[in-house]
């Protein structure tokens, strides 16, 4: 493997880790909302749902679009088959729906 390929792979890995690290606070908040749901007032529940929808629209969906248009094709190319990302694409479609 050439040095350029190794450097490129390291840069891509750090970027992906950064992207997923940025999603973690929202995922943690979603978990907290789910666990606290039974104790919420109606107003708190509405506010929580609105915050999750905002997070999904502004953070999750753009992340999924980036994965679908750039990252997955890159992985499929490196693996030599579309099966490399088949499950991830399946899961992303369900998140988007």
Foldseek 3Di string as FASTA:
>chain_A
DDPVVVVVVVVVVVVVVVLVVVCVVLVVLVVVCVVCVVVDDPVVNVVSVVVNVVCCVPRVVVVLVCCVPPVLVVQCVVVVHSVRCVVVVVVSVVSVD
